[in-house]
Amino acid sequence: MSMRTTAIPTAKKLVYELALTKGIVSKSELMDQLALTSSSLTRLLEEMTAEGLLQEGGRGDSTGGRRPILYRLNARYGYVWGLEISRLYSSLGLFDLHMNPLRLTRWRMDASMTPERLVAHVEAEVRAGMEEQGIRTAQILGMGIGAVGPLDQRTGRLLSPLFFPAGGYADLPIRDLLEQRLGFPCMLENGANTALIGEHWMLRGEDVRHMLYVHAGAGLRSAMMSNGRIVYGAIDPEGAIGQMIVQVDGPRLQENGNYGALEAFASVQALEKRARTQLRSGSGALALPDSRPPAPDAVSYDTLLEALRRDDPFARELFAQSASYLGVGLANLINILHPERVILGGALIASHEMFFETATRVAGQNIYYSSDYRPSFSKGELKEDAVATGAAVMVLRNLKV
């Protein structure tokens, strides 16, 4: 199954894209962008309005003659879904053609969330959302899926993702499974890319063209945009940032990972591993709220997060060290890619304000061209909804209308 495949004139696609990006456009703005006569553009606008894709959005300011008619997309022409599939949490959003969120849900990816249960859960949420909004299947333009990589976009499969609490996600044809259950087309992209697409969408009025997105959670993921376009490699490179070496002959997190890789210092798995090792050796101490020391092997990320929020010294030091290493990794990327904006997301970034502040401070101190160049850092506008929102934007960007 694929997105709508009706052949379209280039001019119609450009009108659609301008209305999607700008929100509202005038005929004179369109004339500046299109190689059409005034009468041809008028006929095109009338056709797009008649089919329900465009609608009049009032009148603009007069420049001496009649006030121009403004056009915008008809929000109810169709609807799109955006799905995030991640290791700790997944989410699902329903949006209209103005990218207004009509429904957003989020759930924990625990050991019971097998692929079969995930697909069933997504289907149930989609059916509930469509019933709630009074939407028919024929009105759904598609679903974008932002998933943990590595993946194969061509075949719509998750290849060998790590650290899922439940098994069965390797070589998973997730796109086909969802299309078969839902009855409308789906697109698969790695989650870091869709998060960046979503955050770039939120900045569309600022003409930001070079952006870096880094997600620090159960693993490390990154995405880069240059001249407004996602940068791709020969293979899906989403998790490559985790294998950046930041300490020669340092530890490694997984058997096939690099020694001294960033993921061994700045990830949920690394925090748990380091905490358990130090507690076993007696080089660290952690107390539960009732002052009982936990068994080292029972210490989880949730345990450490709770301790951090109590300002436990041991937990705070673990998170601070992790944030410093992430800052070094960020500086390495920035010194190569030179983005204008750096967006940080994921469970570690959300853990405590100290983590974000430490990571960005260390990164800033190690930017080589710091006197002439200074990117801005933020947690983004969409935060935990970035992946799902960007996945929905991806559908609209690729829609054949």
Protein backbone atom coordinates (compact mmCIF):
# COMPACT_ATOMS: atom_id res chain seq x y z
CA MET A 1 0.00 0.00 0.00
CA SER A 2 1.32 3.47 -0.79
CA MET A 3 0.38 7.11 -0.41
CA ARG A 4 -2.05 8.59 -2.91
CA THR A 5 -0.48 8.16 -6.32
CA THR A 6 -2.59 10.37 -8.57
CA ALA A 7 -0.27 12.32 -10.90
CA ILE A 8 -0.34 16.01 -10.08
CA PRO A 9 0.80 19.14 -11.86
CA THR A 10 3.91 20.67 -10.33
CA ALA A 11 2.04 23.92 -9.80
CA LYS A 12 -0.63 22.21 -7.72
CA LYS A 13 2.00 20.55 -5.54
CA LEU A 14 3.74 23.88 -5.00
CA VAL A 15 0.49 25.58 -4.00
CA TYR A 16 -0.17 22.77 -1.54
CA GLU A 17 3.35 22.94 -0.06
CA LEU A 18 3.28 26.73 0.29
CA ALA A 19 -0.12 26.62 2.00
CA LEU A 20 1.07 23.79 4.26
CA THR A 21 4.22 25.63 5.30
CA LYS A 22 2.97 29.23 5.50
CA GLY A 23 -0.51 28.46 6.80
CA ILE A 24 -2.15 31.12 4.66
CA VAL A 25 -1.14 32.54 1.26
CA SER A 26 -2.36 35.17 -1.17
CA LYS A 27 -2.59 34.91 -4.94
CA SER A 28 0.19 37.48 -5.31
CA GLU A 29 2.52 35.37 -3.12
CA LEU A 30 1.75 32.35 -5.26
CA MET A 31 2.36 34.32 -8.45
CA ASP A 32 5.85 35.16 -7.18
CA GLN A 33 6.62 31.44 -6.80
CA LEU A 34 4.88 29.90 -9.80
CA ALA A 35 5.46 30.20 -13.52
CA LEU A 36 1.76 30.68 -14.26
CA THR A 37 -0.34 33.42 -15.74
CA SER A 38 -2.87 35.10 -13.49
CA SER A 39 -5.77 33.37 -15.25
CA SER A 40 -4.12 29.93 -15.01
CA LEU A 41 -3.44 30.38 -11.30
CA THR A 42 -7.03 31.54 -10.77
CA ARG A 43 -8.33 28.36 -12.44
CA LEU A 44 -5.99 26.20 -10.33
CA LEU A 45 -7.10 27.86 -7.09
CA GLU A 46 -10.74 27.43 -8.09
CA GLU A 47 -10.14 23.72 -8.81
CA MET A 48 -8.36 23.12 -5.50
CA THR A 49 -11.11 24.98 -3.65
CA ALA A 50 -13.84 23.02 -5.42
CA GLU A 51 -12.26 19.68 -4.49
CA GLY A 52 -12.05 20.79 -0.86
CA LEU A 53 -8.26 20.88 -0.49
CA LEU A 54 -8.13 24.70 -0.24
CA GLN A 55 -10.53 27.17 1.33
CA GLU A 56 -10.70 30.91 1.37
CA GLY A 57 -9.16 32.39 4.50
CA GLY A 58 -10.45 35.96 4.35
CA ARG A 59 -8.88 38.92 2.60
CA GLY A 60 -5.45 40.48 2.92
CA ASP A 61 -4.45 44.13 3.14
CA SER A 62 -5.10 46.29 0.10
CA THR A 63 -2.17 47.82 -1.79
CA GLY A 64 -4.40 50.24 -3.66
CA GLY A 65 -6.90 47.97 -5.36
CA ARG A 66 -9.25 45.26 -4.15
CA ARG A 67 -8.16 43.40 -1.04
CA PRO A 68 -6.67 40.03 -2.13
CA ILE A 69 -8.33 36.75 -1.30
CA LEU A 70 -6.26 34.60 1.07
CA TYR A 71 -6.12 30.80 0.82
CA ARG A 72 -5.31 28.06 3.28
CA LEU A 73 -5.60 24.30 3.42
CA ASN A 74 -8.95 22.93 4.49
CA ALA A 75 -8.13 21.41 7.87
CA ARG A 76 -10.83 18.77 7.43
CA TYR A 77 -9.81 17.66 3.95
CA GLY A 78 -8.07 14.71 5.58
CA TYR A 79 -6.29 13.51 8.71
CA VAL A 80 -2.92 11.95 9.50
CA TRP A 81 -1.57 9.79 12.28
CA GLY A 82 1.93 9.97 13.75
CA LEU A 83 3.29 6.98 15.68
CA GLU A 84 6.43 6.81 17.81
CA ILE A 85 7.91 3.39 18.57
CA SER A 86 10.61 3.73 21.21
CA ARG A 87 12.19 1.62 23.93
CA LEU A 88 10.81 3.27 27.05
CA TYR A 89 7.62 4.94 25.82
CA SER A 90 5.64 5.00 22.60
CA SER A 91 3.03 7.53 21.53
CA LEU A 92 0.36 8.12 18.91
CA GLY A 93 -1.14 11.36 17.62
CA LEU A 94 -4.01 12.29 15.30
CA PHE A 95 -3.73 15.57 13.37
CA ASP A 96 -5.78 17.54 10.88
CA LEU A 97 -4.32 19.23 7.79
CA HIS A 98 -3.31 22.28 9.86
CA MET A 99 -1.33 19.91 12.13
CA ASN A 100 -3.67 20.62 15.02
CA PRO A 101 -3.36 17.68 17.47
CA LEU A 102 -6.81 16.13 17.88
CA ARG A 103 -5.70 13.22 20.07
CA LEU A 104 -2.39 12.29 21.71
CA THR A 105 -1.79 9.12 23.73
CA ARG A 106 1.35 7.70 25.33
CA TRP A 107 2.16 4.35 26.93
CA ARG A 108 5.03 2.52 28.61
CA MET A 109 6.91 -0.10 26.63
CA ASP A 110 7.23 -2.81 29.28
CA ALA A 111 8.15 -6.48 28.95
CA SER A 112 4.58 -7.37 27.96
CA MET A 113 4.54 -5.01 24.95
CA THR A 114 5.44 -7.55 22.29
CA PRO A 115 5.12 -6.58 18.61
CA GLU A 116 1.78 -8.38 18.42
CA ARG A 117 0.45 -6.48 21.41
CA LEU A 118 1.87 -3.19 20.14
CA VAL A 119 0.11 -3.53 16.76
CA ALA A 120 -3.15 -4.48 18.50
CA HIS A 121 -2.80 -1.53 20.87
CA VAL A 122 -2.15 0.92 18.04
CA GLU A 123 -5.16 -0.42 16.12
CA ALA A 124 -7.40 -0.03 19.18
CA GLU A 125 -6.20 3.54 19.77
CA VAL A 126 -6.72 4.44 16.09
CA ARG A 127 -10.26 3.04 16.08
CA ALA A 128 -11.06 4.87 19.32
CA GLY A 129 -9.67 8.15 18.00
CA MET A 130 -11.56 7.93 14.71
CA GLU A 131 -14.82 7.15 16.51
CA GLU A 132 -14.23 9.99 18.95
CA GLN A 133 -13.64 12.48 16.11
CA GLY A 134 -16.25 11.07 13.74
CA ILE A 135 -13.63 10.27 11.08
CA ARG A 136 -13.97 7.56 8.42
CA THR A 137 -11.07 5.40 7.21
CA ALA A 138 -11.35 7.01 3.76
CA GLN A 139 -10.51 10.39 5.34
CA ILE A 140 -7.18 9.15 6.75
CA LEU A 141 -4.33 10.19 4.46
CA GLY A 142 -1.79 7.93 6.14
CA MET A 143 0.31 7.18 9.20
CA GLY A 144 3.92 8.15 9.72
CA ILE A 145 5.97 5.84 11.94
CA GLY A 146 9.06 7.12 13.73
CA ALA A 147 10.86 4.11 15.18
CA VAL A 148 14.07 3.13 16.90
CA GLY A 149 16.64 2.01 14.33
CA PRO A 150 18.36 0.50 12.61
CA LEU A 151 15.64 0.04 10.04
CA ASP A 152 15.08 -0.45 6.33
CA GLN A 153 12.76 2.22 4.92
CA ARG A 154 12.43 0.46 1.58
CA THR A 155 10.94 -2.69 3.06
CA GLY A 156 9.40 -1.00 6.11
CA ARG A 157 11.21 -3.22 8.61
CA LEU A 158 12.85 -2.75 11.99
CA LEU A 159 16.17 -4.58 11.65
CA SER A 160 17.96 -5.17 14.95
CA PRO A 161 16.91 -2.61 17.59
CA LEU A 162 18.49 -3.02 21.02
CA PHE A 163 17.16 -2.72 24.57
CA PHE A 164 13.45 -3.30 23.94
CA PRO A 165 11.97 -4.76 27.14
CA ALA A 166 10.01 -7.30 25.06
CA GLY A 167 11.47 -9.57 22.40
CA GLY A 168 10.47 -10.04 18.79
CA TYR A 169 11.37 -6.62 17.35
CA ALA A 170 14.27 -7.83 15.18
CA ASP A 171 13.48 -8.04 11.45
CA LEU A 172 9.93 -6.85 12.10
CA PRO A 173 7.85 -5.77 9.04
CA ILE A 174 6.11 -3.10 11.10
CA ARG A 175 4.87 -1.03 8.15
CA ASP A 176 3.09 -3.96 6.50
CA LEU A 177 1.68 -5.22 9.79
CA LEU A 178 0.09 -1.86 10.54
CA GLU A 179 -1.18 -1.31 6.99
CA GLN A 180 -2.89 -4.68 7.05
CA ARG A 181 -4.61 -3.93 10.36
CA LEU A 182 -5.49 -0.29 9.73
CA GLY A 183 -6.42 -0.22 6.05
CA PHE A 184 -4.53 2.95 5.15
CA PRO A 185 -0.93 3.63 4.02
CA CYS A 186 2.00 3.93 6.42
CA MET A 187 5.52 5.35 6.09
CA LEU A 188 8.51 4.29 8.19
CA GLU A 189 11.39 6.57 9.21
CA ASN A 190 13.80 6.48 12.13
CA GLY A 191 12.55 8.34 15.17
CA ALA A 192 15.43 10.80 15.45
CA ASN A 193 14.70 12.00 11.91
CA THR A 194 10.97 12.42 12.55
CA ALA A 195 11.70 14.27 15.80
CA LEU A 196 13.91 16.67 13.85
CA ILE A 197 11.22 17.03 11.15
CA GLY A 198 8.72 17.91 13.88
CA GLU A 199 10.98 20.46 15.54
CA HIS A 200 11.87 22.01 12.19
CA TRP A 201 8.15 22.30 11.44
CA MET A 202 7.69 24.30 14.65
CA LEU A 203 10.44 26.71 13.46
CA ARG A 204 9.17 26.99 9.89
CA GLY A 205 8.61 30.74 10.25
CA GLU A 206 12.25 31.34 11.23
CA ASP A 207 14.00 29.83 8.18
CA VAL A 208 16.34 27.67 10.28
CA ARG A 209 18.12 25.41 7.79
CA HIS A 210 20.88 23.59 9.70
CA MET A 211 19.79 21.61 12.75
CA LEU A 212 21.06 18.77 14.93
CA TYR A 213 18.82 16.55 17.06
CA VAL A 214 20.20 14.23 19.74
CA HIS A 215 18.07 11.84 21.78
CA ALA A 216 19.61 10.47 24.98
CA GLY A 217 17.59 7.71 26.60
CA ALA A 218 17.83 3.93 26.64
CA GLY A 219 20.25 4.47 23.76
CA LEU A 220 21.65 7.41 21.85
CA ARG A 221 20.19 8.59 18.56
CA SER A 222 20.86 11.59 16.37
CA ALA A 223 19.67 13.27 13.18
CA MET A 224 21.02 16.14 11.10
CA MET A 225 19.36 18.59 8.75
CA SER A 226 21.32 20.62 6.19
CA ASN A 227 19.71 23.26 3.99
CA GLY A 228 16.33 22.18 5.32
CA ARG A 229 16.77 18.51 4.35
CA ILE A 230 17.48 15.44 6.45
CA VAL A 231 21.01 14.11 5.93
CA TYR A 232 21.12 10.39 5.12
CA GLY A 233 24.03 7.96 4.92
CA ALA A 234 24.56 4.74 2.97
CA ILE A 235 22.81 2.90 5.82
CA ASP A 236 20.45 4.00 8.59
CA PRO A 237 22.90 5.88 10.86
CA GLU A 238 20.49 6.79 13.67
CA GLY A 239 22.40 5.11 16.49
CA ALA A 240 25.91 5.85 15.21
CA ILE A 241 26.41 8.65 17.74
CA GLY A 242 26.44 6.03 20.49
CA GLN A 243 29.58 4.46 18.99
CA MET A 244 31.56 7.73 18.99
CA ILE A 245 34.71 7.05 21.03
CA VAL A 246 35.12 9.56 23.85
CA GLN A 247 37.61 7.66 26.03
CA VAL A 248 40.35 5.55 24.48
CA ASP A 249 40.42 2.03 26.03
CA GLY A 250 37.31 2.89 28.04
CA PRO A 251 34.48 0.48 28.88
CA ARG A 252 31.90 -0.69 26.40
CA LEU A 253 28.19 -1.12 26.91
CA GLN A 254 27.44 -4.03 24.60
CA GLU A 255 29.50 -6.90 23.27
CA ASN A 256 29.65 -5.62 19.70
CA GLY A 257 30.05 -1.96 20.66
CA ASN A 258 33.19 0.16 20.63
CA TYR A 259 35.34 0.41 23.73
CA GLY A 260 35.11 3.89 25.22
CA ALA A 261 31.98 4.70 23.16
CA LEU A 262 29.65 7.50 24.19
CA GLU A 263 26.80 5.06 24.87
CA ALA A 264 28.89 3.52 27.68
CA PHE A 265 28.72 6.83 29.56
CA ALA A 266 25.60 8.70 28.45
CA SER A 267 22.63 6.35 28.30
CA VAL A 268 20.07 4.85 30.66
CA GLN A 269 21.76 1.45 30.33
CA ALA A 270 25.15 2.97 31.17
CA LEU A 271 23.81 4.73 34.26
CA GLU A 272 22.30 1.51 35.59
CA LYS A 273 25.47 -0.47 34.88
CA ARG A 274 27.77 2.08 36.53
CA ALA A 275 25.52 2.43 39.59
CA ARG A 276 25.34 -1.33 40.14
CA THR A 277 29.12 -1.73 39.71
CA GLN A 278 29.93 1.02 42.22
CA LEU A 279 27.37 -0.19 44.74
CA ARG A 280 28.76 -3.75 44.58
CA SER A 281 32.33 -2.52 45.09
CA GLY A 282 31.35 -0.22 47.95
CA SER A 283 32.61 2.88 46.12
CA GLY A 284 29.14 4.37 46.17
CA ALA A 285 26.12 4.46 48.46
CA LEU A 286 22.46 4.96 47.70
CA ALA A 287 19.59 5.04 50.15
CA LEU A 288 15.89 4.46 49.52
CA PRO A 289 13.36 6.88 51.06
CA ASP A 290 13.21 4.76 54.22
CA SER A 291 17.06 4.84 54.44
CA ARG A 292 17.44 1.21 53.40
CA PRO A 293 20.31 0.59 50.93
CA PRO A 294 18.97 -1.17 47.82
CA ALA A 295 20.40 -4.43 46.52
CA PRO A 296 22.83 -3.42 43.73
CA ASP A 297 21.23 -5.67 41.10
CA ALA A 298 17.79 -4.24 41.92
CA VAL A 299 18.83 -0.67 41.11
CA SER A 300 17.04 0.54 37.99
CA TYR A 301 16.87 3.82 36.14
CA ASP A 302 13.64 4.62 37.98
CA THR A 303 15.47 4.08 41.30
CA LEU A 304 18.24 6.45 40.25
CA LEU A 305 15.79 9.02 38.92
CA GLU A 306 13.88 9.06 42.18
CA ALA A 307 17.15 9.45 44.08
CA LEU A 308 18.24 12.31 41.80
CA ARG A 309 14.99 14.15 42.48
CA ARG A 310 15.70 13.76 46.22
CA ASP A 311 19.13 15.33 45.49
CA ASP A 312 20.95 12.16 46.56
CA PRO A 313 24.72 12.90 46.17
CA PHE A 314 25.55 9.52 44.60
CA ALA A 315 22.77 9.77 42.02
CA ARG A 316 23.54 13.40 41.28
CA GLU A 317 27.19 12.61 40.58
CA LEU A 318 26.24 9.74 38.25
CA PHE A 319 23.92 11.97 36.21
CA ALA A 320 26.41 14.85 36.18
CA GLN A 321 29.20 12.63 34.83
CA SER A 322 26.87 11.24 32.19
CA ALA A 323 25.82 14.75 31.15
CA SER A 324 29.47 15.85 30.87
CA TYR A 325 30.26 12.98 28.53
CA LEU A 326 27.19 13.79 26.45
CA GLY A 327 28.49 17.36 26.21
CA VAL A 328 31.79 16.08 24.81
CA GLY A 329 29.90 14.03 22.22
CA LEU A 330 27.79 17.04 21.29
CA ALA A 331 30.90 19.19 20.85
CA ASN A 332 32.40 16.58 18.51
CA LEU A 333 29.27 16.60 16.35
CA ILE A 334 28.97 20.38 16.39
CA ASN A 335 32.61 20.86 15.39
CA ILE A 336 31.95 18.70 12.31
CA LEU A 337 28.40 19.68 11.34
CA HIS A 338 28.07 23.31 12.51
CA PRO A 339 24.29 23.43 13.03
CA GLU A 340 22.40 26.62 13.84
CA ARG A 341 20.15 24.88 16.36
CA VAL A 342 20.79 21.86 18.58
CA ILE A 343 17.69 20.14 19.95
CA LEU A 344 18.09 17.67 22.80
CA GLY A 345 15.46 15.12 23.79
CA GLY A 346 15.02 11.80 25.54
CA ALA A 347 14.68 10.47 29.06
CA LEU A 348 18.08 11.70 30.27
CA ILE A 349 17.48 15.25 29.03
CA ALA A 350 14.11 15.24 30.81
CA SER A 351 15.53 13.71 33.99
CA HIS A 352 16.62 16.98 35.62
CA GLU A 353 17.43 20.53 34.52
CA MET A 354 20.99 19.91 35.72
CA PHE A 355 21.51 17.31 32.98
CA PHE A 356 20.59 19.67 30.15
CA GLU A 357 22.57 22.55 31.67
CA THR A 358 25.69 20.44 32.20
CA ALA A 359 25.63 18.85 28.74
CA THR A 360 25.16 22.16 26.92
CA ARG A 361 27.74 23.96 29.06
CA VAL A 362 30.39 21.32 28.35
CA ALA A 363 29.47 21.33 24.66
CA GLY A 364 29.74 25.10 24.50
CA GLN A 365 33.14 25.10 26.16
CA ASN A 366 34.50 22.74 23.51
CA ILE A 367 33.19 24.33 20.32
CA TYR A 368 36.31 25.18 18.32
CA TYR A 369 35.03 28.20 16.41
CA SER A 370 33.31 29.57 19.49
CA SER A 371 34.39 33.18 18.88
CA ASP A 372 32.72 33.27 15.44
CA TYR A 373 30.04 30.65 15.75
CA ARG A 374 27.62 29.75 18.52
CA PRO A 375 24.66 27.41 17.97
CA SER A 376 21.60 27.69 20.18
CA PHE A 377 20.58 24.77 22.41
CA SER A 378 17.05 23.87 23.44
CA LYS A 379 14.82 20.99 24.47
CA GLY A 380 12.63 21.83 21.50
CA GLU A 381 9.05 22.98 21.29
CA LEU A 382 7.44 19.54 21.05
CA LYS A 383 9.52 17.64 23.63
CA GLU A 384 7.99 14.16 24.17
CA ASP A 385 5.60 14.65 21.23
CA ALA A 386 8.35 15.45 18.70
CA VAL A 387 8.69 11.98 17.15
CA ALA A 388 4.96 11.39 16.62
CA THR A 389 4.34 14.95 15.40
CA GLY A 390 7.24 14.81 12.95
CA ALA A 391 6.04 11.45 11.65
CA ALA A 392 2.68 13.04 10.84
CA VAL A 393 4.38 16.04 9.17
CA MET A 394 6.36 13.56 7.06
CA VAL A 395 3.11 12.14 5.67
CA LEU A 396 1.82 15.59 4.74
CA ARG A 397 5.13 16.52 3.11
CA ASN A 398 5.01 13.40 0.94
CA LEU A 399 1.30 13.43 0.17
CA LYS A 400 0.20 13.12 -3.44
CA VAL A 401 -2.82 15.41 -3.63
